[in-house]
Amino acid sequence: TTAAPPTLDLKDCGVYEMTAGQRMAIQSTNFPNPYKTNERCQWEFSCPAETNHILEIKCPAFTLESSINCSKDRLIVTSRGKRDIKCGSDSPDGTVTRTGWARFTYFSNGVIVSTGFRCYIWCKPKP
């Protein structure tokens, strides 16, 4: 028999507490179809005890409008001591946080849209 694929634990904007080994997912509205204009969404993930865990981020799909300094559509990934602003095809895929906490802030402006993103966040014990 074939094992069932893992379910997609897709989260709306909000604050979430995870347990070790848990995977959650975030995505832009309408993904994989074009997202809407003038969107704002923030997700916050914590995996206690924060100092004993990391978050691993995988984004198999990521296409936002490109702009200089990501001034238009963007996904900001904030973790302890680090803040990355992503847009275009510059994905946060492969990011590993130093602790078990991260915030994702997504903005789209009022003009050009694209297909958006889907990212998975895993809570893992620190190696």
C-alpha atoms as a PDB file:
ATOM      1  CA  THR A   1       0.000   0.000   0.000  1.00  0.00           C
ATOM      2  CA  THR A   2       1.062   3.562  -0.645  1.00  0.00           C
ATOM      3  CA  ALA A   3       1.176   6.022   2.239  1.00  0.00           C
ATOM      4  CA  ALA A   4      -1.202   8.941   1.889  1.00  0.00           C
ATOM      5  CA  PRO A   5       0.526  12.251   1.162  1.00  0.00           C
ATOM      6  CA  PRO A   6       0.709  14.604   4.148  1.00  0.00           C
ATOM      7  CA  THR A   7      -2.285  16.890   4.464  1.00  0.00           C
ATOM      8  CA  LEU A   8      -1.828  20.548   3.677  1.00  0.00           C
ATOM      9  CA  ASP A   9      -2.189  22.396   6.989  1.00  0.00           C
ATOM     10  CA  LEU A  10      -2.876  25.742   5.326  1.00  0.00           C
ATOM     11  CA  LYS A  11      -3.056  28.721   7.682  1.00  0.00           C
ATOM     12  CA  ASP A  12      -4.972  31.973   7.377  1.00  0.00           C
ATOM     13  CA  CYS A  13      -3.286  35.176   8.563  1.00  0.00           C
ATOM     14  CA  GLY A  14      -2.669  34.864  12.299  1.00  0.00           C
ATOM     15  CA  VAL A  15      -0.456  33.623  15.137  1.00  0.00           C
ATOM     16  CA  TYR A  16       0.314  29.911  15.494  1.00  0.00           C
ATOM     17  CA  GLU A  17       2.130  27.733  18.016  1.00  0.00           C
ATOM     18  CA  MET A  18       3.734  24.605  16.615  1.00  0.00           C
ATOM     19  CA  THR A  19       5.108  21.380  18.059  1.00  0.00           C
ATOM     20  CA  ALA A  20       8.335  19.634  17.044  1.00  0.00           C
ATOM     21  CA  GLY A  21       7.907  17.841  13.728  1.00  0.00           C
ATOM     22  CA  GLN A  22       4.809  19.822  12.767  1.00  0.00           C
ATOM     23  CA  ARG A  23       4.497  21.389   9.305  1.00  0.00           C
ATOM     24  CA  MET A  24       2.240  24.304   8.411  1.00  0.00           C
ATOM     25  CA  ALA A  25       1.735  26.092   5.095  1.00  0.00           C
ATOM     26  CA  ILE A  26       1.030  29.649   3.980  1.00  0.00           C
ATOM     27  CA  GLN A  27       0.143  30.935   0.546  1.00  0.00           C
ATOM     28  CA  SER A  28      -1.030  34.010  -1.303  1.00  0.00           C
ATOM     29  CA  THR A  29      -4.756  34.370  -1.988  1.00  0.00           C
ATOM     30  CA  ASN A  30      -6.025  32.317  -4.958  1.00  0.00           C
ATOM     31  CA  PHE A  31      -2.728  30.406  -5.285  1.00  0.00           C
ATOM     32  CA  PRO A  32      -1.774  29.033  -7.853  1.00  0.00           C
ATOM     33  CA  ASN A  33      -3.912  31.620  -9.654  1.00  0.00           C
ATOM     34  CA  PRO A  34      -2.968  35.318  -9.527  1.00  0.00           C
ATOM     35  CA  TYR A  35      -3.284  36.980  -6.133  1.00  0.00           C
ATOM     36  CA  LYS A  36      -5.347  40.105  -5.551  1.00  0.00           C
ATOM     37  CA  THR A  37      -4.148  43.706  -5.432  1.00  0.00           C
ATOM     38  CA  ASN A  38      -3.787  45.646  -2.169  1.00  0.00           C
ATOM     39  CA  GLU A  39      -3.452  42.614   0.070  1.00  0.00           C
ATOM     40  CA  ARG A  40      -1.915  42.525   3.543  1.00  0.00           C
ATOM     41  CA  CYS A  41      -1.396  39.376   5.578  1.00  0.00           C
ATOM     42  CA  GLN A  42       0.814  38.454   8.520  1.00  0.00           C
ATOM     43  CA  TRP A  43       1.593  35.041   9.955  1.00  0.00           C
ATOM     44  CA  GLU A  44       3.604  34.379  13.099  1.00  0.00           C
ATOM     45  CA  PHE A  45       4.925  30.930  14.011  1.00  0.00           C
ATOM     46  CA  SER A  46       6.531  29.833  17.260  1.00  0.00           C
ATOM     47  CA  CYS A  47       7.883  26.467  18.265  1.00  0.00           C
ATOM     48  CA  PRO A  48       8.510  26.325  22.025  1.00  0.00           C
ATOM     49  CA  ALA A  49      10.895  26.150  23.656  1.00  0.00           C
ATOM     50  CA  GLU A  50      12.036  28.646  21.068  1.00  0.00           C
ATOM     51  CA  THR A  51      15.747  28.356  21.939  1.00  0.00           C
ATOM     52  CA  ASN A  52      15.698  24.561  21.412  1.00  0.00           C
ATOM     53  CA  HIS A  53      14.089  24.610  17.953  1.00  0.00           C
ATOM     54  CA  ILE A  54      14.528  26.000  14.456  1.00  0.00           C
ATOM     55  CA  LEU A  55      12.059  26.675  11.679  1.00  0.00           C
ATOM     56  CA  GLU A  56      12.870  25.389   8.213  1.00  0.00           C
ATOM     57  CA  ILE A  57      11.184  27.181   5.317  1.00  0.00           C
ATOM     58  CA  LYS A  58      10.514  25.569   1.939  1.00  0.00           C
ATOM     59  CA  CYS A  59       8.808  27.489  -0.875  1.00  0.00           C
ATOM     60  CA  PRO A  60       8.306  25.231  -3.907  1.00  0.00           C
ATOM     61  CA  ALA A  61       6.443  28.050  -5.666  1.00  0.00           C
ATOM     62  CA  PHE A  62       7.297  31.749  -5.365  1.00  0.00           C
ATOM     63  CA  THR A  63       6.578  34.447  -7.959  1.00  0.00           C
ATOM     64  CA  LEU A  64       5.782  37.995  -6.852  1.00  0.00           C
ATOM     65  CA  GLU A  65       6.063  41.205  -8.847  1.00  0.00           C
ATOM     66  CA  SER A  66       9.734  42.236  -9.155  1.00  0.00           C
ATOM     67  CA  SER A  67      10.752  45.735  -8.076  1.00  0.00           C
ATOM     68  CA  ILE A  68      13.849  47.604  -6.930  1.00  0.00           C
ATOM     69  CA  ASN A  69      14.310  46.998  -3.179  1.00  0.00           C
ATOM     70  CA  CYS A  70      11.060  44.958  -3.306  1.00  0.00           C
ATOM     71  CA  SER A  71       9.159  48.229  -2.929  1.00  0.00           C
ATOM     72  CA  LYS A  72       6.024  46.790  -4.550  1.00  0.00           C
ATOM     73  CA  ASP A  73       4.759  43.246  -3.852  1.00  0.00           C
ATOM     74  CA  ARG A  74       6.844  41.484  -1.195  1.00  0.00           C
ATOM     75  CA  LEU A  75       7.102  38.838   1.500  1.00  0.00           C
ATOM     76  CA  ILE A  76       9.123  39.901   4.548  1.00  0.00           C
ATOM     77  CA  VAL A  77      10.559  37.062   6.631  1.00  0.00           C
ATOM     78  CA  THR A  78      11.578  38.187  10.122  1.00  0.00           C
ATOM     79  CA  SER A  79      13.326  35.907  12.604  1.00  0.00           C
ATOM     80  CA  ARG A  80      15.491  36.597  15.654  1.00  0.00           C
ATOM     81  CA  GLY A  81      18.318  38.845  14.420  1.00  0.00           C
ATOM     82  CA  LYS A  82      17.355  38.702  10.742  1.00  0.00           C
ATOM     83  CA  ARG A  83      14.928  40.358   8.313  1.00  0.00           C
ATOM     84  CA  ASP A  84      14.743  39.330   4.641  1.00  0.00           C
ATOM     85  CA  ILE A  85      12.569  41.087   2.067  1.00  0.00           C
ATOM     86  CA  LYS A  86      11.686  38.825  -0.865  1.00  0.00           C
ATOM     87  CA  CYS A  87      10.024  39.523  -4.231  1.00  0.00           C
ATOM     88  CA  GLY A  88      10.154  38.439  -7.873  1.00  0.00           C
ATOM     89  CA  SER A  89      11.525  34.888  -7.923  1.00  0.00           C
ATOM     90  CA  ASP A  90      13.908  35.561  -4.975  1.00  0.00           C
ATOM     91  CA  SER A  91      12.294  33.060  -2.621  1.00  0.00           C
ATOM     92  CA  PRO A  92      12.959  32.389   1.084  1.00  0.00           C
ATOM     93  CA  ASP A  93      13.208  28.691   0.098  1.00  0.00           C
ATOM     94  CA  GLY A  94      15.819  26.886   2.185  1.00  0.00           C
ATOM     95  CA  THR A  95      15.890  29.451   5.003  1.00  0.00           C
ATOM     96  CA  VAL A  96      16.598  28.007   8.443  1.00  0.00           C
ATOM     97  CA  THR A  97      15.950  30.308  11.405  1.00  0.00           C
ATOM     98  CA  ARG A  98      18.262  30.484  14.434  1.00  0.00           C
ATOM     99  CA  THR A  99      15.343  29.947  16.829  1.00  0.00           C
ATOM    100  CA  GLY A 100      11.829  28.537  16.721  1.00  0.00           C
ATOM    101  CA  TRP A 101      10.155  31.860  15.888  1.00  0.00           C
ATOM    102  CA  ALA A 102       9.439  33.684  12.623  1.00  0.00           C
ATOM    103  CA  ARG A 103       7.007  36.244  11.210  1.00  0.00           C
ATOM    104  CA  PHE A 104       5.930  36.430   7.563  1.00  0.00           C
ATOM    105  CA  THR A 105       4.429  39.701   6.310  1.00  0.00           C
ATOM    106  CA  TYR A 106       2.934  39.756   2.806  1.00  0.00           C
ATOM    107  CA  PHE A 107       1.997  42.881   0.839  1.00  0.00           C
ATOM    108  CA  SER A 108       0.702  43.373  -2.694  1.00  0.00           C
ATOM    109  CA  ASN A 109       0.233  46.811  -4.238  1.00  0.00           C
ATOM    110  CA  GLY A 110      -2.537  48.099  -6.487  1.00  0.00           C
ATOM    111  CA  VAL A 111      -1.183  47.353  -9.950  1.00  0.00           C
ATOM    112  CA  ILE A 112       0.595  44.246 -11.276  1.00  0.00           C
ATOM    113  CA  VAL A 113      -0.090  40.786  -9.844  1.00  0.00           C
ATOM    114  CA  SER A 114       1.558  37.401 -10.331  1.00  0.00           C
ATOM    115  CA  THR A 115       0.910  33.761  -9.388  1.00  0.00           C
ATOM    116  CA  GLY A 116       2.103  34.231  -5.811  1.00  0.00           C
ATOM    117  CA  PHE A 117       3.602  31.736  -3.418  1.00  0.00           C
ATOM    118  CA  ARG A 118       3.183  28.697  -1.250  1.00  0.00           C
ATOM    119  CA  CYS A 119       5.622  28.107   1.594  1.00  0.00           C
ATOM    120  CA  TYR A 120       5.889  25.333   4.165  1.00  0.00           C
ATOM    121  CA  ILE A 121       7.208  25.942   7.669  1.00  0.00           C
ATOM    122  CA  TRP A 122       8.597  23.031   9.683  1.00  0.00           C
ATOM    123  CA  CYS A 123       9.327  23.093  13.408  1.00  0.00           C
ATOM    124  CA  LYS A 124      12.431  21.002  14.095  1.00  0.00           C
ATOM    125  CA  PRO A 125      14.644  20.400  17.139  1.00  0.00           C
ATOM    126  CA  LYS A 126      17.963  22.256  16.930  1.00  0.00           C
ATOM    127  CA  PRO A 127      20.596  19.938  15.463  1.00  0.00           C
END
